[in-house]
Amino acid sequence: MRWLYVSRLALLGLIVVATTACDGCRRRAAPNQKANAAASAEAQRVLILPPLQAPDRATTLAVRGQVDAELLVPVGITQAKPVLAILLPDPSGLRQKCEALGQGIRQGAFVLCQAVPEVTSTTAVNGGDFEPTASALRAALHSIKRKFGRYVATTDLALVGVGSGSEKVAPIVRQVPDYFQRVALLDGGFRQWTSVDSARFIAAGGKAMLARCLQDACRSEAMRVVATIKASGIATRIELELTPSADTASAVALAWLMDVVPSPAGRAVNPAPPPLPTSAAPAAR
């Protein structure tokens, strides 16, 4: 599934043509302004759909047989919602884990939970061999779009990594910084996320970053990642203490990740993102 988008230069050209004044055009200015305002209002109108129907909120998603995946469907929505993709370290109890992590999202998003595929080769640098994970994620996103069509938003996607699944987040986001505007690293992935990744995430219009580290060994790295992004004005949240219920705390944090509204100060709306990549680029710190 390819995302189609209009380039910013093309949009700028349309704006310039629509707003340029000329001698002798003053009489037509008012009608043109009304027409432009009406067109703008039409473009911004939210598409209202019939309530989304599904047999169950939780369903197993077939992804080319590559990896186990579970999907929480926002039953009853009448507007397009984004996808919150969660990469988990293993497939055991995947549905239960997904329901626990997504309990705070409800109708805010499609919650996709995938187990990271096993990697046979030993490649531990920068998240290891991330391509099997990226391929499975790409296939799952395509499957969700094919199945639910207009109910799936093509912007404002979120990518979350849990444990060793977090190590795959940076290599994926590195290739398509426009694609995932909300990112979470839960108990891992901080060393893979470089200062260059932060700069690209900021420049691409990232909206929120969530980090959780419950061990002393990763606290400094987690704080480094969050500090750089927070300084840019992007919404951030960091959790460094163990709470009585880890599942509840994670659910609340992920609900924040999807609900937080970024500051409107000069931040442009992202174009629709390109397809996920098929290879990794070397990282730089």
C-alpha atoms as a PDB file:
ATOM      1  CA  MET A   1       0.000   0.000   0.000  1.00  0.00           C
ATOM      2  CA  ARG A   2       1.543   3.283  -1.080  1.00  0.00           C
ATOM      3  CA  TRP A   3       0.610   6.482   0.619  1.00  0.00           C
ATOM      4  CA  LEU A   4      -0.170   9.256  -1.890  1.00  0.00           C
ATOM      5  CA  TYR A   5       0.557  12.807  -0.913  1.00  0.00           C
ATOM      6  CA  VAL A   6       0.705  16.304  -2.333  1.00  0.00           C
ATOM      7  CA  SER A   7       4.084  17.950  -2.106  1.00  0.00           C
ATOM      8  CA  ARG A   8       4.473  21.018   0.043  1.00  0.00           C
ATOM      9  CA  LEU A   9       5.797  22.948  -2.969  1.00  0.00           C
ATOM     10  CA  ALA A  10       2.622  22.203  -4.889  1.00  0.00           C
ATOM     11  CA  LEU A  11       0.478  23.340  -1.984  1.00  0.00           C
ATOM     12  CA  LEU A  12       2.541  26.507  -1.671  1.00  0.00           C
ATOM     13  CA  GLY A  13       2.053  27.221  -5.356  1.00  0.00           C
ATOM     14  CA  LEU A  14      -1.713  26.864  -5.008  1.00  0.00           C
ATOM     15  CA  ILE A  15      -1.752  29.228  -2.047  1.00  0.00           C
ATOM     16  CA  VAL A  16       0.297  31.852  -3.894  1.00  0.00           C
ATOM     17  CA  VAL A  17      -1.956  31.709  -6.974  1.00  0.00           C
ATOM     18  CA  ALA A  18      -5.109  31.942  -4.866  1.00  0.00           C
ATOM     19  CA  THR A  19      -3.972  34.918  -2.824  1.00  0.00           C
ATOM     20  CA  THR A  20      -2.096  37.088  -5.368  1.00  0.00           C
ATOM     21  CA  ALA A  21      -3.766  40.463  -5.934  1.00  0.00           C
ATOM     22  CA  CYS A  22      -3.544  42.471  -9.166  1.00  0.00           C
ATOM     23  CA  ASP A  23      -4.634  45.841 -10.531  1.00  0.00           C
ATOM     24  CA  GLY A  24      -8.262  45.775 -11.620  1.00  0.00           C
ATOM     25  CA  CYS A  25      -9.064  42.628  -9.579  1.00  0.00           C
ATOM     26  CA  ARG A  26     -10.433  44.348  -6.491  1.00  0.00           C
ATOM     27  CA  ARG A  27     -14.058  43.894  -7.534  1.00  0.00           C
ATOM     28  CA  ARG A  28     -13.565  40.147  -7.766  1.00  0.00           C
ATOM     29  CA  ALA A  29     -11.624  39.901  -4.496  1.00  0.00           C
ATOM     30  CA  ALA A  30     -14.591  39.420  -2.169  1.00  0.00           C
ATOM     31  CA  PRO A  31     -16.231  36.608  -4.202  1.00  0.00           C
ATOM     32  CA  ASN A  32     -12.862  34.868  -4.577  1.00  0.00           C
ATOM     33  CA  GLN A  33     -12.221  35.097  -0.851  1.00  0.00           C
ATOM     34  CA  LYS A  34     -15.618  33.562  -0.137  1.00  0.00           C
ATOM     35  CA  ALA A  35     -14.941  30.756  -2.606  1.00  0.00           C
ATOM     36  CA  ASN A  36     -11.525  30.086  -1.096  1.00  0.00           C
ATOM     37  CA  ALA A  37     -12.979  30.040   2.425  1.00  0.00           C
ATOM     38  CA  ALA A  38     -15.679  27.597   1.346  1.00  0.00           C
ATOM     39  CA  ALA A  39     -13.123  25.325  -0.315  1.00  0.00           C
ATOM     40  CA  SER A  40     -10.943  25.421   2.802  1.00  0.00           C
ATOM     41  CA  ALA A  41     -13.885  24.539   5.045  1.00  0.00           C
ATOM     42  CA  GLU A  42     -14.805  21.644   2.755  1.00  0.00           C
ATOM     43  CA  ALA A  43     -11.225  20.322   2.811  1.00  0.00           C
ATOM     44  CA  GLN A  44     -11.103  20.445   6.604  1.00  0.00           C
ATOM     45  CA  ARG A  45     -14.453  18.736   7.088  1.00  0.00           C
ATOM     46  CA  VAL A  46     -14.059  15.419   8.901  1.00  0.00           C
ATOM     47  CA  LEU A  47     -15.457  12.467   7.012  1.00  0.00           C
ATOM     48  CA  ILE A  48     -18.225  10.878   9.086  1.00  0.00           C
ATOM     49  CA  LEU A  49     -18.576   7.143   8.486  1.00  0.00           C
ATOM     50  CA  PRO A  50     -21.145   4.576   9.616  1.00  0.00           C
ATOM     51  CA  PRO A  51     -20.167   3.057  12.996  1.00  0.00           C
ATOM     52  CA  LEU A  52     -17.458   0.454  12.481  1.00  0.00           C
ATOM     53  CA  GLN A  53     -18.788  -3.060  12.996  1.00  0.00           C
ATOM     54  CA  ALA A  54     -16.634  -6.033  14.035  1.00  0.00           C
ATOM     55  CA  PRO A  55     -17.438  -9.376  15.703  1.00  0.00           C
ATOM     56  CA  ASP A  56     -14.906  -8.793  18.481  1.00  0.00           C
ATOM     57  CA  ARG A  57     -12.603  -6.039  19.659  1.00  0.00           C
ATOM     58  CA  ALA A  58      -9.622  -8.434  19.671  1.00  0.00           C
ATOM     59  CA  THR A  59      -8.789 -10.441  16.577  1.00  0.00           C
ATOM     60  CA  THR A  60      -5.822 -12.405  15.264  1.00  0.00           C
ATOM     61  CA  LEU A  61      -4.264 -10.816  12.188  1.00  0.00           C
ATOM     62  CA  ALA A  62      -2.823 -12.998   9.436  1.00  0.00           C
ATOM     63  CA  VAL A  63       0.514 -11.558   8.332  1.00  0.00           C
ATOM     64  CA  ARG A  64       1.891 -13.821   5.570  1.00  0.00           C
ATOM     65  CA  GLY A  65       2.659 -16.437   8.171  1.00  0.00           C
ATOM     66  CA  GLN A  66       5.748 -14.460   9.194  1.00  0.00           C
ATOM     67  CA  VAL A  67       4.835 -13.491  12.716  1.00  0.00           C
ATOM     68  CA  ASP A  68       2.074 -13.668  15.275  1.00  0.00           C
ATOM     69  CA  ALA A  69      -0.048 -10.509  15.434  1.00  0.00           C
ATOM     70  CA  GLU A  70      -3.105  -9.375  17.351  1.00  0.00           C
ATOM     71  CA  LEU A  71      -5.303  -6.391  16.584  1.00  0.00           C
ATOM     72  CA  LEU A  72      -7.609  -4.442  18.867  1.00  0.00           C
ATOM     73  CA  VAL A  73     -10.347  -2.921  16.711  1.00  0.00           C
ATOM     74  CA  PRO A  74     -11.955   0.385  17.796  1.00  0.00           C
ATOM     75  CA  VAL A  75     -15.494  -0.897  17.285  1.00  0.00           C
ATOM     76  CA  GLY A  76     -18.089   1.841  16.826  1.00  0.00           C
ATOM     77  CA  ILE A  77     -15.826   4.607  15.499  1.00  0.00           C
ATOM     78  CA  THR A  78     -17.310   6.965  12.923  1.00  0.00           C
ATOM     79  CA  GLN A  79     -14.063   8.706  11.941  1.00  0.00           C
ATOM     80  CA  ALA A  80     -10.712   7.453  10.677  1.00  0.00           C
ATOM     81  CA  LYS A  81      -8.296   6.493  13.466  1.00  0.00           C
ATOM     82  CA  PRO A  82      -4.525   5.899  13.364  1.00  0.00           C
ATOM     83  CA  VAL A  83      -2.653   2.696  14.126  1.00  0.00           C
ATOM     84  CA  LEU A  84      -0.655   2.202  17.318  1.00  0.00           C
ATOM     85  CA  ALA A  85       1.869  -0.547  16.547  1.00  0.00           C
ATOM     86  CA  ILE A  86       3.516  -2.351  19.476  1.00  0.00           C
ATOM     87  CA  LEU A  87       6.579  -4.571  19.008  1.00  0.00           C
ATOM     88  CA  LEU A  88       6.824  -7.226  21.736  1.00  0.00           C
ATOM     89  CA  PRO A  89       9.796  -9.535  22.425  1.00  0.00           C
ATOM     90  CA  ASP A  90       7.940 -12.874  22.183  1.00  0.00           C
ATOM     91  CA  PRO A  91       4.571 -14.284  21.077  1.00  0.00           C
ATOM     92  CA  SER A  92       3.567 -15.942  24.347  1.00  0.00           C
ATOM     93  CA  GLY A  93       0.259 -14.604  25.642  1.00  0.00           C
ATOM     94  CA  LEU A  94       0.220 -12.025  22.875  1.00  0.00           C
ATOM     95  CA  ARG A  95      -3.516 -11.294  22.987  1.00  0.00           C
ATOM     96  CA  GLN A  96      -3.540 -10.874  26.760  1.00  0.00           C
ATOM     97  CA  LYS A  97      -0.546  -8.550  26.599  1.00  0.00           C
ATOM     98  CA  CYS A  98      -2.157  -6.561  23.802  1.00  0.00           C
ATOM     99  CA  GLU A  99      -5.435  -6.156  25.682  1.00  0.00           C
ATOM    100  CA  ALA A 100      -3.550  -5.027  28.792  1.00  0.00           C
ATOM    101  CA  LEU A 101      -1.449  -2.469  26.919  1.00  0.00           C
ATOM    102  CA  GLY A 102      -4.379  -1.195  24.854  1.00  0.00           C
ATOM    103  CA  GLN A 103      -6.970  -0.953  27.607  1.00  0.00           C
ATOM    104  CA  GLY A 104      -6.574   2.827  27.826  1.00  0.00           C
ATOM    105  CA  ILE A 105      -6.846   3.425  24.067  1.00  0.00           C
ATOM    106  CA  ARG A 106     -10.395   2.152  23.446  1.00  0.00           C
ATOM    107  CA  GLN A 107     -11.702   4.011  20.375  1.00  0.00           C
ATOM    108  CA  GLY A 108      -8.640   6.205  19.928  1.00  0.00           C
ATOM    109  CA  ALA A 109      -6.722   3.900  17.597  1.00  0.00           C
ATOM    110  CA  PHE A 110      -6.290   0.487  16.051  1.00  0.00           C
ATOM    111  CA  VAL A 111      -3.846  -1.272  18.385  1.00  0.00           C
ATOM    112  CA  LEU A 112      -1.540  -3.693  16.554  1.00  0.00           C
ATOM    113  CA  CYS A 113       0.619  -6.018  18.662  1.00  0.00           C
ATOM    114  CA  GLN A 114       3.360  -8.065  17.006  1.00  0.00           C
ATOM    115  CA  ALA A 115       6.024 -10.386  18.326  1.00  0.00           C
ATOM    116  CA  VAL A 116       9.461  -9.611  16.944  1.00  0.00           C
ATOM    117  CA  PRO A 117      10.545 -12.433  14.583  1.00  0.00           C
ATOM    118  CA  GLU A 118      13.507 -14.508  15.641  1.00  0.00           C
ATOM    119  CA  VAL A 119      16.811 -13.568  14.021  1.00  0.00           C
ATOM    120  CA  THR A 120      19.151 -16.455  13.304  1.00  0.00           C
ATOM    121  CA  SER A 121      22.284 -14.416  12.551  1.00  0.00           C
ATOM    122  CA  THR A 122      24.090 -12.613  15.337  1.00  0.00           C
ATOM    123  CA  THR A 123      23.887  -8.920  14.460  1.00  0.00           C
ATOM    124  CA  ALA A 124      23.623  -6.900  17.641  1.00  0.00           C
ATOM    125  CA  VAL A 125      24.605  -3.478  16.312  1.00  0.00           C
ATOM    126  CA  ASN A 126      21.871  -0.832  16.037  1.00  0.00           C
ATOM    127  CA  GLY A 127      18.985  -3.168  16.691  1.00  0.00           C
ATOM    128  CA  GLY A 128      20.398  -6.167  14.876  1.00  0.00           C
ATOM    129  CA  ASP A 129      18.691  -7.443  11.738  1.00  0.00           C
ATOM    130  CA  PHE A 130      15.573  -5.297  11.812  1.00  0.00           C
ATOM    131  CA  GLU A 131      14.301  -6.139   8.329  1.00  0.00           C
ATOM    132  CA  PRO A 132      12.190  -9.195   9.316  1.00  0.00           C
ATOM    133  CA  THR A 133      10.443  -6.968  11.876  1.00  0.00           C
ATOM    134  CA  ALA A 134      10.000  -4.118   9.388  1.00  0.00           C
ATOM    135  CA  SER A 135       8.666  -6.512   6.749  1.00  0.00           C
ATOM    136  CA  ALA A 136       6.145  -8.045   9.138  1.00  0.00           C
ATOM    137  CA  LEU A 137       5.074  -4.614  10.354  1.00  0.00           C
ATOM    138  CA  ARG A 138       4.668  -3.351   6.811  1.00  0.00           C
ATOM    139  CA  ALA A 139       2.541  -6.375   5.903  1.00  0.00           C
ATOM    140  CA  ALA A 140       0.378  -5.938   9.005  1.00  0.00           C
ATOM    141  CA  LEU A 141      -0.257  -2.252   8.287  1.00  0.00           C
ATOM    142  CA  HIS A 142      -1.206  -3.098   4.712  1.00  0.00           C
ATOM    143  CA  SER A 143      -3.556  -5.823   5.953  1.00  0.00           C
ATOM    144  CA  ILE A 144      -5.283  -3.447   8.376  1.00  0.00           C
ATOM    145  CA  LYS A 145      -5.760  -0.846   5.655  1.00  0.00           C
ATOM    146  CA  ARG A 146      -7.139  -3.389   3.212  1.00  0.00           C
ATOM    147  CA  LYS A 147      -9.574  -4.775   5.762  1.00  0.00           C
ATOM    148  CA  PHE A 148     -10.853  -1.535   7.310  1.00  0.00           C
ATOM    149  CA  GLY A 149     -10.317   0.949   4.474  1.00  0.00           C
ATOM    150  CA  ARG A 150     -11.452   4.490   5.240  1.00  0.00           C
ATOM    151  CA  TYR A 151     -11.597   3.793   8.969  1.00  0.00           C
ATOM    152  CA  VAL A 152      -7.778   3.722   9.074  1.00  0.00           C
ATOM    153  CA  ALA A 153      -6.006   7.084   9.128  1.00  0.00           C
ATOM    154  CA  THR A 154      -2.776   7.278   7.130  1.00  0.00           C
ATOM    155  CA  THR A 155      -1.115   9.863   9.389  1.00  0.00           C
ATOM    156  CA  ASP A 156      -0.337  10.228  13.088  1.00  0.00           C
ATOM    157  CA  LEU A 157       0.825   6.624  13.425  1.00  0.00           C
ATOM    158  CA  ALA A 158       2.620   5.482  16.583  1.00  0.00           C
ATOM    159  CA  LEU A 159       5.390   2.909  17.031  1.00  0.00           C
ATOM    160  CA  VAL A 160       6.090   1.344  20.434  1.00  0.00           C
ATOM    161  CA  GLY A 161       8.818  -1.095  21.394  1.00  0.00           C
ATOM    162  CA  VAL A 162       8.762  -3.212  24.552  1.00  0.00           C
ATOM    163  CA  GLY A 163      11.943  -4.812  25.895  1.00  0.00           C
ATOM    164  CA  SER A 164      14.028  -6.234  23.054  1.00  0.00           C
ATOM    165  CA  GLY A 165      11.281  -5.090  20.676  1.00  0.00           C
ATOM    166  CA  SER A 166      12.416  -1.529  21.397  1.00  0.00           C
ATOM    167  CA  GLU A 167      15.737  -2.258  19.707  1.00  0.00           C
ATOM    168  CA  LYS A 168      13.923  -2.417  16.361  1.00  0.00           C
ATOM    169  CA  VAL A 169      12.218   0.966  16.749  1.00  0.00           C
ATOM    170  CA  ALA A 170      15.158   3.235  15.931  1.00  0.00           C
ATOM    171  CA  PRO A 171      16.234   1.390  12.743  1.00  0.00           C
ATOM    172  CA  ILE A 172      12.657   1.502  11.433  1.00  0.00           C
ATOM    173  CA  VAL A 173      11.974   5.147  12.323  1.00  0.00           C
ATOM    174  CA  ARG A 174      15.428   6.083  10.993  1.00  0.00           C
ATOM    175  CA  GLN A 175      14.371   5.142   7.484  1.00  0.00           C
ATOM    176  CA  VAL A 176      10.977   6.887   7.523  1.00  0.00           C
ATOM    177  CA  PRO A 177      11.009   9.709  10.108  1.00  0.00           C
ATOM    178  CA  ASP A 178       7.777  11.123   8.619  1.00  0.00           C
ATOM    179  CA  TYR A 179       5.899   7.870   9.103  1.00  0.00           C
ATOM    180  CA  PHE A 180       5.616   7.504  12.868  1.00  0.00           C
ATOM    181  CA  GLN A 181       4.859  10.815  14.584  1.00  0.00           C
ATOM    182  CA  ARG A 182       4.564   9.214  18.044  1.00  0.00           C
ATOM    183  CA  VAL A 183       7.246   6.893  19.429  1.00  0.00           C
ATOM    184  CA  ALA A 184       7.701   4.965  22.684  1.00  0.00           C
ATOM    185  CA  LEU A 185      10.710   3.047  23.994  1.00  0.00           C
ATOM    186  CA  LEU A 186       9.707   0.857  26.928  1.00  0.00           C
ATOM    187  CA  ASP A 187      12.571  -0.804  28.784  1.00  0.00           C
ATOM    188  CA  GLY A 188      15.047  -0.786  25.925  1.00  0.00           C
ATOM    189  CA  GLY A 189      16.173   0.645  22.608  1.00  0.00           C
ATOM    190  CA  PHE A 190      17.833   3.764  24.030  1.00  0.00           C
ATOM    191  CA  ARG A 191      21.358   2.994  22.827  1.00  0.00           C
ATOM    192  CA  GLN A 192      20.051   2.350  19.322  1.00  0.00           C
ATOM    193  CA  TRP A 193      18.289   5.744  19.298  1.00  0.00           C
ATOM    194  CA  THR A 194      21.032   8.223  18.397  1.00  0.00           C
ATOM    195  CA  SER A 195      21.215  12.008  18.459  1.00  0.00           C
ATOM    196  CA  VAL A 196      20.789  11.937  14.677  1.00  0.00           C
ATOM    197  CA  ASP A 197      17.558   9.978  15.107  1.00  0.00           C
ATOM    198  CA  SER A 198      16.303  12.643  17.511  1.00  0.00           C
ATOM    199  CA  ALA A 199      17.186  15.404  15.044  1.00  0.00           C
ATOM    200  CA  ARG A 200      15.357  13.649  12.224  1.00  0.00           C
ATOM    201  CA  PHE A 201      12.329  12.958  14.396  1.00  0.00           C
ATOM    202  CA  ILE A 202      12.173  16.635  15.362  1.00  0.00           C
ATOM    203  CA  ALA A 203      12.668  17.888  11.799  1.00  0.00           C
ATOM    204  CA  ALA A 204       9.983  15.526  10.473  1.00  0.00           C
ATOM    205  CA  GLY A 205       7.365  16.972  12.827  1.00  0.00           C
ATOM    206  CA  GLY A 206       7.319  14.348  15.566  1.00  0.00           C
ATOM    207  CA  LYS A 207       4.505  14.859  18.052  1.00  0.00           C
ATOM    208  CA  ALA A 208       5.330  12.805  21.149  1.00  0.00           C
ATOM    209  CA  MET A 209       8.037  10.640  22.704  1.00  0.00           C
ATOM    210  CA  LEU A 210       7.531   8.245  25.613  1.00  0.00           C
ATOM    211  CA  ALA A 211      10.383   6.498  27.435  1.00  0.00           C
ATOM    212  CA  ARG A 212      10.363   4.012  30.302  1.00  0.00           C
ATOM    213  CA  CYS A 213      13.406   2.632  32.073  1.00  0.00           C
ATOM    214  CA  LEU A 214      13.092   0.751  35.360  1.00  0.00           C
ATOM    215  CA  GLN A 215      16.765  -0.205  35.735  1.00  0.00           C
ATOM    216  CA  ASP A 216      19.768   1.921  36.665  1.00  0.00           C
ATOM    217  CA  ALA A 217      21.704   0.652  33.641  1.00  0.00           C
ATOM    218  CA  CYS A 218      19.496   2.455  31.112  1.00  0.00           C
ATOM    219  CA  ARG A 219      18.410   5.580  32.994  1.00  0.00           C
ATOM    220  CA  SER A 220      21.095   7.887  31.663  1.00  0.00           C
ATOM    221  CA  GLU A 221      20.429   6.784  28.072  1.00  0.00           C
ATOM    222  CA  ALA A 222      16.678   7.185  28.494  1.00  0.00           C
ATOM    223  CA  MET A 223      17.129  10.662  29.936  1.00  0.00           C
ATOM    224  CA  ARG A 224      19.456  11.581  27.055  1.00  0.00           C
ATOM    225  CA  VAL A 225      16.867  10.605  24.439  1.00  0.00           C
ATOM    226  CA  VAL A 226      14.051  12.462  26.172  1.00  0.00           C
ATOM    227  CA  ALA A 227      16.085  15.592  26.960  1.00  0.00           C
ATOM    228  CA  THR A 228      17.016  16.259  23.334  1.00  0.00           C
ATOM    229  CA  ILE A 229      13.451  15.882  22.085  1.00  0.00           C
ATOM    230  CA  LYS A 230      11.924  17.799  25.000  1.00  0.00           C
ATOM    231  CA  ALA A 231      14.210  20.754  24.280  1.00  0.00           C
ATOM    232  CA  SER A 232      12.610  21.078  20.832  1.00  0.00           C
ATOM    233  CA  GLY A 233       9.143  21.558  22.326  1.00  0.00           C
ATOM    234  CA  ILE A 234       7.816  18.110  21.432  1.00  0.00           C
ATOM    235  CA  ALA A 235       5.695  16.481  24.140  1.00  0.00           C
ATOM    236  CA  THR A 236       7.705  13.963  26.174  1.00  0.00           C
ATOM    237  CA  ARG A 237       7.132  11.644  29.094  1.00  0.00           C
ATOM    238  CA  ILE A 238       9.639   9.524  31.002  1.00  0.00           C
ATOM    239  CA  GLU A 239       9.015   6.894  33.657  1.00  0.00           C
ATOM    240  CA  LEU A 240      11.880   5.784  35.883  1.00  0.00           C
ATOM    241  CA  GLU A 241      10.120   4.140  38.821  1.00  0.00           C
ATOM    242  CA  LEU A 242       8.379   0.806  39.148  1.00  0.00           C
ATOM    243  CA  THR A 243       4.666   1.103  39.869  1.00  0.00           C
ATOM    244  CA  PRO A 244       2.440  -1.478  41.615  1.00  0.00           C
ATOM    245  CA  SER A 245       0.868  -2.512  38.311  1.00  0.00           C
ATOM    246  CA  ALA A 246       3.193  -2.371  35.319  1.00  0.00           C
ATOM    247  CA  ASP A 247       0.378  -3.215  32.872  1.00  0.00           C
ATOM    248  CA  THR A 248      -1.842  -0.418  34.151  1.00  0.00           C
ATOM    249  CA  ALA A 249       1.021   2.077  34.128  1.00  0.00           C
ATOM    250  CA  SER A 250       1.918   1.114  30.557  1.00  0.00           C
ATOM    251  CA  ALA A 251      -1.710   1.402  29.444  1.00  0.00           C
ATOM    252  CA  VAL A 252      -1.979   4.884  30.952  1.00  0.00           C
ATOM    253  CA  ALA A 253       1.300   5.950  29.350  1.00  0.00           C
ATOM    254  CA  LEU A 254       0.271   4.685  25.910  1.00  0.00           C
ATOM    255  CA  ALA A 255      -3.082   6.447  26.230  1.00  0.00           C
ATOM    256  CA  TRP A 256      -1.106   9.648  26.888  1.00  0.00           C
ATOM    257  CA  LEU A 257       1.058   8.953  23.824  1.00  0.00           C
ATOM    258  CA  MET A 258      -1.992   8.855  21.565  1.00  0.00           C
ATOM    259  CA  ASP A 259      -4.015  11.609  23.245  1.00  0.00           C
ATOM    260  CA  VAL A 260      -1.398  14.323  23.746  1.00  0.00           C
ATOM    261  CA  VAL A 261      -1.932  17.301  21.461  1.00  0.00           C
ATOM    262  CA  PRO A 262       1.305  18.874  20.196  1.00  0.00           C
ATOM    263  CA  SER A 263       1.950  22.569  20.545  1.00  0.00           C
ATOM    264  CA  PRO A 264       0.629  24.454  17.485  1.00  0.00           C
ATOM    265  CA  ALA A 265       3.576  26.905  17.524  1.00  0.00           C
ATOM    266  CA  GLY A 266       4.831  26.719  13.954  1.00  0.00           C
ATOM    267  CA  ARG A 267       4.466  22.950  13.593  1.00  0.00           C
ATOM    268  CA  ALA A 268       3.216  21.954  10.163  1.00  0.00           C
ATOM    269  CA  VAL A 269       0.948  19.034   9.370  1.00  0.00           C
ATOM    270  CA  ASN A 270       2.953  16.060   8.106  1.00  0.00           C
ATOM    271  CA  PRO A 271       2.383  14.796   4.562  1.00  0.00           C
ATOM    272  CA  ALA A 272       1.152  11.254   4.176  1.00  0.00           C
ATOM    273  CA  PRO A 273       4.127   8.954   4.830  1.00  0.00           C
ATOM    274  CA  PRO A 274       5.989   6.840   2.260  1.00  0.00           C
ATOM    275  CA  PRO A 275       6.179   3.030   2.421  1.00  0.00           C
ATOM    276  CA  LEU A 276       8.416   1.424   5.019  1.00  0.00           C
ATOM    277  CA  PRO A 277      11.983   0.769   3.849  1.00  0.00           C
ATOM    278  CA  THR A 278      13.503  -2.567   2.946  1.00  0.00           C
ATOM    279  CA  SER A 279      17.038  -1.957   4.181  1.00  0.00           C
ATOM    280  CA  ALA A 280      18.799  -0.170   6.988  1.00  0.00           C
ATOM    281  CA  ALA A 281      21.119   2.783   6.733  1.00  0.00           C
ATOM    282  CA  PRO A 282      24.136   3.127   9.027  1.00  0.00           C
ATOM    283  CA  ALA A 283      23.447   5.135  12.161  1.00  0.00           C
ATOM    284  CA  ALA A 284      25.501   8.041  13.424  1.00  0.00           C
ATOM    285  CA  ARG A 285      25.761   9.434  16.902  1.00  0.00           C
END
